[in-house]
Amino acid sequence: MRKQCRVEWRGAHVEAVARLSAVTGDALAVLELEERYAALSISTNGKIGYFKYWPVKEASEREYFAITELTSAPLDGAPVKVTGPAANAKVIERISRETSQAITPLELHPWVSAEKGANKAKSPTATIRAVSTAIMALRGGTG
């Protein structure tokens, strides 16, 4: 029997990014490759159904987490999107090759209109998080 517990989010972006799956109604897997952690969340209809977090001290730990999670998590055909400053082309290609998963950068949905090159901002991760949080707020927050 698996022990389950309630998770309270300290980073508002986790739930907000998960809410992006409500746009299409399809499952969405988001792999976050940050400097100090890696995380994988799988959401459907705006709700997180799976979440794993791994603090990292060096790049090899981040890649190990990504490969391990993408080969064992219940993806069920969900597209895998990657975000974060440690998600460079070389890392994405290596993880994709090792997992046989197509991995693409997390980007703003085409129906989101961004002015002044927001989609090409210095930090696309920050832009995605900000827009996702704004959409969640406009839709009434959590729930």
N, C-alpha and C. Protein backbone atom coordinates (compact mmCIF):
# COMPACT_ATOMS: atom_id res chain seq x y z
N MET A 1 0.84 -1.17 0.00
CA MET A 1 0.00 0.00 0.00
C MET A 1 0.89 1.24 0.00
N ARG A 2 0.56 2.19 -0.86
CA ARG A 2 1.35 3.41 -0.94
C ARG A 2 0.82 4.43 0.05
N LYS A 3 1.73 5.06 0.74
CA LYS A 3 1.35 6.13 1.65
C LYS A 3 1.21 7.41 0.83
N GLN A 4 0.11 8.10 1.02
CA GLN A 4 -0.11 9.34 0.31
C GLN A 4 -0.21 10.47 1.31
N CYS A 5 0.21 11.65 0.86
CA CYS A 5 0.11 12.80 1.73
C CYS A 5 -0.24 14.02 0.90
N ARG A 6 -0.75 15.01 1.53
CA ARG A 6 -1.10 16.25 0.86
C ARG A 6 0.17 17.08 0.64
N VAL A 7 0.28 17.66 -0.53
CA VAL A 7 1.44 18.48 -0.85
C VAL A 7 1.03 19.93 -0.91
N GLU A 8 1.70 20.77 -0.16
CA GLU A 8 1.47 22.21 -0.21
C GLU A 8 2.58 22.81 -1.04
N TRP A 9 2.24 23.61 -2.05
CA TRP A 9 3.23 24.18 -2.96
C TRP A 9 3.82 25.45 -2.39
N ARG A 10 5.13 25.52 -2.33
CA ARG A 10 5.82 26.74 -1.92
C ARG A 10 6.18 27.58 -3.15
N GLY A 11 6.33 26.94 -4.28
CA GLY A 11 6.59 27.65 -5.53
C GLY A 11 5.30 27.77 -6.31
N ALA A 12 4.76 28.95 -6.41
CA ALA A 12 3.47 29.14 -7.06
C ALA A 12 3.48 28.69 -8.51
N HIS A 13 4.64 28.65 -9.14
CA HIS A 13 4.70 28.29 -10.55
C HIS A 13 4.33 26.84 -10.82
N VAL A 14 4.51 25.93 -9.88
CA VAL A 14 4.26 24.51 -10.12
C VAL A 14 2.80 24.29 -10.50
N GLU A 15 1.91 24.79 -9.69
CA GLU A 15 0.48 24.63 -9.99
C GLU A 15 0.10 25.42 -11.23
N ALA A 16 0.66 26.62 -11.37
CA ALA A 16 0.33 27.46 -12.52
C ALA A 16 0.74 26.80 -13.83
N VAL A 17 1.94 26.23 -13.89
CA VAL A 17 2.38 25.55 -15.11
C VAL A 17 1.51 24.33 -15.38
N ALA A 18 1.13 23.61 -14.33
CA ALA A 18 0.24 22.46 -14.50
C ALA A 18 -1.09 22.87 -15.11
N ARG A 19 -1.54 24.06 -14.78
CA ARG A 19 -2.82 24.54 -15.31
C ARG A 19 -2.80 24.72 -16.82
N LEU A 20 -1.60 24.77 -17.42
CA LEU A 20 -1.51 24.86 -18.88
C LEU A 20 -2.16 23.65 -19.55
N SER A 21 -2.19 22.49 -18.87
CA SER A 21 -2.81 21.30 -19.46
C SER A 21 -4.33 21.45 -19.56
N ALA A 22 -4.89 22.41 -18.85
CA ALA A 22 -6.34 22.64 -18.94
C ALA A 22 -6.71 23.26 -20.27
N VAL A 23 -5.74 23.91 -20.92
CA VAL A 23 -5.99 24.57 -22.20
C VAL A 23 -6.39 23.55 -23.26
N THR A 24 -5.68 22.41 -23.29
CA THR A 24 -5.93 21.41 -24.32
C THR A 24 -6.75 20.23 -23.82
N GLY A 25 -6.74 20.00 -22.52
CA GLY A 25 -7.42 18.83 -21.97
C GLY A 25 -6.56 17.58 -22.05
N ASP A 26 -5.39 17.69 -22.68
CA ASP A 26 -4.47 16.56 -22.81
C ASP A 26 -3.47 16.57 -21.66
N ALA A 27 -2.86 15.40 -21.43
CA ALA A 27 -1.82 15.30 -20.40
C ALA A 27 -0.59 16.10 -20.84
N LEU A 28 0.12 16.65 -19.87
CA LEU A 28 1.32 17.44 -20.12
C LEU A 28 2.37 17.08 -19.08
N ALA A 29 3.55 16.67 -19.56
CA ALA A 29 4.66 16.37 -18.67
C ALA A 29 5.66 17.52 -18.78
N VAL A 30 6.03 18.10 -17.64
CA VAL A 30 6.98 19.21 -17.63
C VAL A 30 8.20 18.81 -16.80
N LEU A 31 9.34 18.80 -17.47
CA LEU A 31 10.61 18.49 -16.83
C LEU A 31 11.31 19.81 -16.57
N GLU A 32 11.54 20.13 -15.30
CA GLU A 32 12.23 21.37 -14.94
C GLU A 32 13.69 21.03 -14.62
N LEU A 33 14.59 21.67 -15.33
CA LEU A 33 16.02 21.46 -15.10
C LEU A 33 16.61 22.78 -14.63
N GLU A 34 16.60 22.97 -13.34
CA GLU A 34 17.09 24.19 -12.71
C GLU A 34 18.50 23.96 -12.19
N GLU A 35 19.16 25.02 -11.79
CA GLU A 35 20.54 24.90 -11.29
C GLU A 35 20.62 24.04 -10.02
N ARG A 36 19.65 24.18 -9.13
CA ARG A 36 19.72 23.49 -7.83
C ARG A 36 18.73 22.34 -7.66
N TYR A 37 17.89 22.12 -8.66
CA TYR A 37 16.95 21.01 -8.58
C TYR A 37 16.47 20.59 -9.95
N ALA A 38 15.89 19.40 -9.98
CA ALA A 38 15.20 18.91 -11.17
C ALA A 38 13.84 18.43 -10.68
N ALA A 39 12.83 18.56 -11.52
CA ALA A 39 11.49 18.13 -11.14
C ALA A 39 10.75 17.66 -12.38
N LEU A 40 9.84 16.72 -12.17
CA LEU A 40 8.96 16.26 -13.24
C LEU A 40 7.54 16.30 -12.71
N SER A 41 6.67 16.95 -13.45
CA SER A 41 5.25 16.94 -13.10
C SER A 41 4.46 16.50 -14.32
N ILE A 42 3.41 15.74 -14.06
CA ILE A 42 2.50 15.32 -15.12
C ILE A 42 1.12 15.78 -14.70
N SER A 43 0.50 16.56 -15.57
CA SER A 43 -0.83 17.09 -15.25
C SER A 43 -1.80 16.83 -16.39
N THR A 44 -3.07 16.75 -16.02
CA THR A 44 -4.15 16.58 -16.98
C THR A 44 -5.30 17.47 -16.53
N ASN A 45 -5.90 18.15 -17.46
CA ASN A 45 -7.01 19.06 -17.16
C ASN A 45 -6.67 20.04 -16.05
N GLY A 46 -5.43 20.47 -16.00
CA GLY A 46 -5.00 21.47 -15.03
C GLY A 46 -4.67 20.95 -13.65
N LYS A 47 -4.74 19.64 -13.45
CA LYS A 47 -4.47 19.05 -12.13
C LYS A 47 -3.21 18.19 -12.18
N ILE A 48 -2.38 18.33 -11.17
CA ILE A 48 -1.15 17.54 -11.08
C ILE A 48 -1.51 16.13 -10.61
N GLY A 49 -1.10 15.14 -11.41
CA GLY A 49 -1.35 13.75 -11.05
C GLY A 49 -0.08 13.04 -10.61
N TYR A 50 1.07 13.62 -10.97
CA TYR A 50 2.36 13.00 -10.63
C TYR A 50 3.38 14.12 -10.45
N PHE A 51 4.20 14.00 -9.41
CA PHE A 51 5.23 15.02 -9.17
C PHE A 51 6.41 14.38 -8.45
N LYS A 52 7.62 14.63 -8.98
CA LYS A 52 8.86 14.20 -8.32
C LYS A 52 9.83 15.37 -8.36
N TYR A 53 10.59 15.50 -7.28
CA TYR A 53 11.54 16.60 -7.10
C TYR A 53 12.87 16.01 -6.65
N TRP A 54 13.97 16.56 -7.15
CA TRP A 54 15.29 16.05 -6.79
C TRP A 54 16.25 17.22 -6.64
N PRO A 55 16.74 17.50 -5.42
CA PRO A 55 17.77 18.54 -5.29
C PRO A 55 19.07 18.06 -5.93
N VAL A 56 19.78 18.94 -6.61
CA VAL A 56 21.01 18.54 -7.28
C VAL A 56 22.17 19.43 -6.88
N LYS A 57 23.36 18.83 -6.88
CA LYS A 57 24.58 19.57 -6.59
C LYS A 57 25.45 19.70 -7.83
N GLU A 58 25.26 18.77 -8.78
CA GLU A 58 26.03 18.84 -10.02
C GLU A 58 25.19 18.33 -11.19
N ALA A 59 25.61 18.68 -12.38
CA ALA A 59 24.84 18.41 -13.60
C ALA A 59 24.52 16.92 -13.78
N SER A 60 25.44 16.04 -13.43
CA SER A 60 25.20 14.61 -13.64
C SER A 60 24.00 14.12 -12.84
N GLU A 61 23.78 14.69 -11.64
CA GLU A 61 22.62 14.31 -10.84
C GLU A 61 21.32 14.73 -11.53
N ARG A 62 21.33 15.90 -12.13
CA ARG A 62 20.15 16.43 -12.83
C ARG A 62 19.78 15.51 -14.00
N GLU A 63 20.79 15.13 -14.78
CA GLU A 63 20.54 14.27 -15.93
C GLU A 63 20.12 12.87 -15.50
N TYR A 64 20.73 12.35 -14.44
CA TYR A 64 20.34 11.04 -13.91
C TYR A 64 18.87 11.06 -13.51
N PHE A 65 18.45 12.09 -12.78
CA PHE A 65 17.06 12.21 -12.37
C PHE A 65 16.15 12.22 -13.60
N ALA A 66 16.48 13.05 -14.58
CA ALA A 66 15.64 13.17 -15.77
C ALA A 66 15.50 11.84 -16.50
N ILE A 67 16.60 11.15 -16.70
CA ILE A 67 16.56 9.87 -17.40
C ILE A 67 15.78 8.84 -16.61
N THR A 68 16.05 8.76 -15.31
CA THR A 68 15.35 7.80 -14.45
C THR A 68 13.84 8.06 -14.44
N GLU A 69 13.47 9.31 -14.26
CA GLU A 69 12.04 9.65 -14.20
C GLU A 69 11.33 9.45 -15.52
N LEU A 70 11.94 9.86 -16.60
CA LEU A 70 11.28 9.74 -17.90
C LEU A 70 11.16 8.30 -18.37
N THR A 71 11.95 7.39 -17.79
CA THR A 71 11.81 5.97 -18.15
C THR A 71 10.91 5.22 -17.19
N SER A 72 10.55 5.83 -16.05
CA SER A 72 9.72 5.11 -15.08
C SER A 72 8.39 5.80 -14.75
N ALA A 73 8.25 7.07 -15.05
CA ALA A 73 7.03 7.80 -14.71
C ALA A 73 5.87 7.39 -15.63
N PRO A 74 4.65 7.53 -15.14
CA PRO A 74 3.47 7.17 -15.95
C PRO A 74 3.13 8.24 -16.99
N LEU A 75 3.95 8.35 -18.02
CA LEU A 75 3.76 9.39 -19.04
C LEU A 75 2.52 9.13 -19.91
N ASP A 76 2.24 7.87 -20.18
CA ASP A 76 1.08 7.50 -20.99
C ASP A 76 0.93 8.33 -22.26
N GLY A 77 2.04 8.54 -22.94
CA GLY A 77 2.00 9.27 -24.20
C GLY A 77 1.97 10.78 -24.10
N ALA A 78 2.05 11.31 -22.87
CA ALA A 78 2.03 12.77 -22.69
C ALA A 78 3.27 13.38 -23.34
N PRO A 79 3.12 14.52 -24.03
CA PRO A 79 4.30 15.18 -24.55
C PRO A 79 5.17 15.68 -23.40
N VAL A 80 6.48 15.58 -23.57
CA VAL A 80 7.41 16.03 -22.53
C VAL A 80 7.97 17.38 -22.94
N LYS A 81 7.72 18.37 -22.09
CA LYS A 81 8.23 19.72 -22.30
C LYS A 81 9.28 19.99 -21.25
N VAL A 82 10.32 20.70 -21.64
CA VAL A 82 11.41 20.97 -20.70
C VAL A 82 11.56 22.48 -20.53
N THR A 83 11.95 22.86 -19.34
CA THR A 83 12.16 24.27 -19.02
C THR A 83 13.28 24.39 -18.00
N GLY A 84 13.83 25.57 -17.88
CA GLY A 84 14.87 25.84 -16.89
C GLY A 84 16.20 26.20 -17.53
N PRO A 85 17.03 26.90 -16.77
CA PRO A 85 18.31 27.36 -17.30
C PRO A 85 19.31 26.24 -17.61
N ALA A 86 19.14 25.07 -17.02
CA ALA A 86 20.05 23.96 -17.28
C ALA A 86 19.59 23.10 -18.45
N ALA A 87 18.51 23.51 -19.12
CA ALA A 87 17.96 22.76 -20.24
C ALA A 87 18.51 23.28 -21.56
N ASN A 88 19.80 23.07 -21.78
CA ASN A 88 20.39 23.50 -23.05
C ASN A 88 20.22 22.40 -24.10
N ALA A 89 20.48 22.72 -25.34
CA ALA A 89 20.25 21.79 -26.45
C ALA A 89 21.01 20.47 -26.28
N LYS A 90 22.25 20.54 -25.81
CA LYS A 90 23.06 19.34 -25.63
C LYS A 90 22.46 18.41 -24.58
N VAL A 91 22.01 18.97 -23.47
CA VAL A 91 21.40 18.19 -22.39
C VAL A 91 20.08 17.58 -22.86
N ILE A 92 19.27 18.38 -23.53
CA ILE A 92 17.97 17.89 -24.03
C ILE A 92 18.20 16.72 -25.00
N GLU A 93 19.15 16.86 -25.90
CA GLU A 93 19.43 15.80 -26.88
C GLU A 93 19.89 14.53 -26.18
N ARG A 94 20.75 14.66 -25.18
CA ARG A 94 21.27 13.49 -24.46
C ARG A 94 20.14 12.77 -23.69
N ILE A 95 19.31 13.53 -23.01
CA ILE A 95 18.21 12.93 -22.25
C ILE A 95 17.21 12.28 -23.21
N SER A 96 16.92 12.95 -24.31
CA SER A 96 16.00 12.41 -25.30
C SER A 96 16.52 11.10 -25.88
N ARG A 97 17.81 11.07 -26.20
CA ARG A 97 18.42 9.86 -26.76
C ARG A 97 18.37 8.70 -25.76
N GLU A 98 18.70 8.98 -24.50
CA GLU A 98 18.73 7.92 -23.47
C GLU A 98 17.35 7.40 -23.09
N THR A 99 16.32 8.21 -23.28
CA THR A 99 14.97 7.81 -22.87
C THR A 99 14.06 7.46 -24.04
N SER A 100 14.50 7.73 -25.25
CA SER A 100 13.67 7.55 -26.45
C SER A 100 12.39 8.37 -26.38
N GLN A 101 12.47 9.51 -25.69
CA GLN A 101 11.34 10.44 -25.57
C GLN A 101 11.61 11.68 -26.40
N ALA A 102 10.62 12.13 -27.12
CA ALA A 102 10.73 13.42 -27.79
C ALA A 102 10.57 14.49 -26.72
N ILE A 103 11.54 15.35 -26.59
CA ILE A 103 11.52 16.41 -25.57
C ILE A 103 11.65 17.74 -26.28
N THR A 104 10.71 18.63 -26.00
CA THR A 104 10.73 19.95 -26.63
C THR A 104 10.64 21.03 -25.56
N PRO A 105 11.13 22.21 -25.85
CA PRO A 105 11.05 23.30 -24.87
C PRO A 105 9.60 23.69 -24.56
N LEU A 106 9.36 24.01 -23.32
CA LEU A 106 8.05 24.52 -22.92
C LEU A 106 7.94 25.96 -23.42
N GLU A 107 6.92 26.21 -24.20
CA GLU A 107 6.73 27.55 -24.77
C GLU A 107 5.32 28.03 -24.51
N LEU A 108 5.12 29.31 -24.73
CA LEU A 108 3.79 29.87 -24.61
C LEU A 108 2.87 29.22 -25.64
N HIS A 109 1.66 28.94 -25.24
CA HIS A 109 0.67 28.36 -26.15
C HIS A 109 0.37 29.38 -27.25
N PRO A 110 0.13 28.93 -28.47
CA PRO A 110 -0.11 29.88 -29.57
C PRO A 110 -1.24 30.87 -29.33
N TRP A 111 -2.23 30.51 -28.48
CA TRP A 111 -3.33 31.45 -28.26
C TRP A 111 -2.97 32.57 -27.29
N VAL A 112 -1.79 32.47 -26.67
CA VAL A 112 -1.35 33.53 -25.77
C VAL A 112 -0.61 34.58 -26.59
N SER A 113 -1.12 35.79 -26.55
CA SER A 113 -0.50 36.88 -27.29
C SER A 113 0.52 37.57 -26.39
N ALA A 114 1.75 37.65 -26.88
CA ALA A 114 2.82 38.29 -26.09
C ALA A 114 3.39 39.46 -26.89
N GLU A 115 3.51 40.58 -26.23
CA GLU A 115 4.05 41.77 -26.89
C GLU A 115 5.53 41.93 -26.60
N LYS A 116 6.18 42.68 -27.46
CA LYS A 116 7.59 43.06 -27.29
C LYS A 116 8.52 41.87 -27.10
N GLY A 117 8.25 40.78 -27.80
CA GLY A 117 9.16 39.64 -27.78
C GLY A 117 9.21 38.87 -26.49
N ALA A 118 8.11 38.83 -25.73
CA ALA A 118 8.12 38.11 -24.46
C ALA A 118 8.48 36.64 -24.65
N ASN A 119 8.08 36.07 -25.78
CA ASN A 119 8.39 34.67 -26.01
C ASN A 119 9.87 34.46 -26.31
N LYS A 120 10.59 35.51 -26.60
CA LYS A 120 12.03 35.43 -26.86
C LYS A 120 12.81 36.12 -25.75
N ALA A 121 12.23 36.22 -24.58
CA ALA A 121 12.84 36.91 -23.45
C ALA A 121 14.13 36.23 -23.02
N LYS A 122 14.93 36.95 -22.25
CA LYS A 122 16.19 36.41 -21.73
C LYS A 122 15.92 35.16 -20.90
N SER A 123 14.80 35.12 -20.19
CA SER A 123 14.44 33.96 -19.39
C SER A 123 13.07 33.45 -19.81
N PRO A 124 13.01 32.53 -20.80
CA PRO A 124 11.72 32.00 -21.22
C PRO A 124 11.00 31.29 -20.08
N THR A 125 11.77 30.69 -19.16
CA THR A 125 11.16 30.02 -18.01
C THR A 125 10.38 31.01 -17.17
N ALA A 126 10.96 32.17 -16.90
CA ALA A 126 10.27 33.19 -16.11
C ALA A 126 9.02 33.68 -16.82
N THR A 127 9.09 33.82 -18.15
CA THR A 127 7.94 34.26 -18.92
C THR A 127 6.81 33.25 -18.83
N ILE A 128 7.12 31.97 -19.01
CA ILE A 128 6.11 30.91 -18.94
C ILE A 128 5.46 30.90 -17.56
N ARG A 129 6.28 30.99 -16.52
CA ARG A 129 5.74 30.97 -15.15
C ARG A 129 4.84 32.17 -14.90
N ALA A 130 5.25 33.34 -15.36
CA ALA A 130 4.45 34.55 -15.15
C ALA A 130 3.13 34.47 -15.89
N VAL A 131 3.16 34.05 -17.14
CA VAL A 131 1.92 33.95 -17.92
C VAL A 131 1.01 32.87 -17.34
N SER A 132 1.58 31.74 -16.95
CA SER A 132 0.78 30.66 -16.36
C SER A 132 0.12 31.12 -15.07
N THR A 133 0.86 31.83 -14.24
CA THR A 133 0.31 32.34 -12.98
C THR A 133 -0.80 33.36 -13.26
N ALA A 134 -0.60 34.21 -14.26
CA ALA A 134 -1.63 35.19 -14.60
C ALA A 134 -2.90 34.50 -15.10
N ILE A 135 -2.75 33.48 -15.93
CA ILE A 135 -3.92 32.74 -16.45
C ILE A 135 -4.65 32.08 -15.27
N MET A 136 -3.90 31.49 -14.35
CA MET A 136 -4.51 30.84 -13.20
C MET A 136 -5.28 31.86 -12.37
N ALA A 137 -4.72 33.06 -12.18
CA ALA A 137 -5.39 34.10 -11.40
C ALA A 137 -6.66 34.56 -12.10
N LEU A 138 -6.61 34.70 -13.41
CA LEU A 138 -7.78 35.14 -14.15
C LEU A 138 -8.90 34.10 -14.13
N ARG A 139 -8.53 32.86 -13.99
CA ARG A 139 -9.53 31.77 -13.94
C ARG A 139 -9.98 31.48 -12.51
N GLY A 140 -9.60 32.32 -11.58
CA GLY A 140 -10.10 32.15 -10.22
C GLY A 140 -9.17 31.43 -9.27
N GLY A 141 -7.89 31.36 -9.59
CA GLY A 141 -6.92 30.74 -8.68
C GLY A 141 -7.02 29.25 -8.68
N THR A 142 -6.93 28.63 -7.53
CA THR A 142 -6.93 27.18 -7.42
C THR A 142 -8.35 26.66 -7.54
N GLY A 143 -8.41 25.38 -7.83
CA GLY A 143 -9.72 24.74 -7.83
C GLY A 143 -10.20 24.25 -9.11
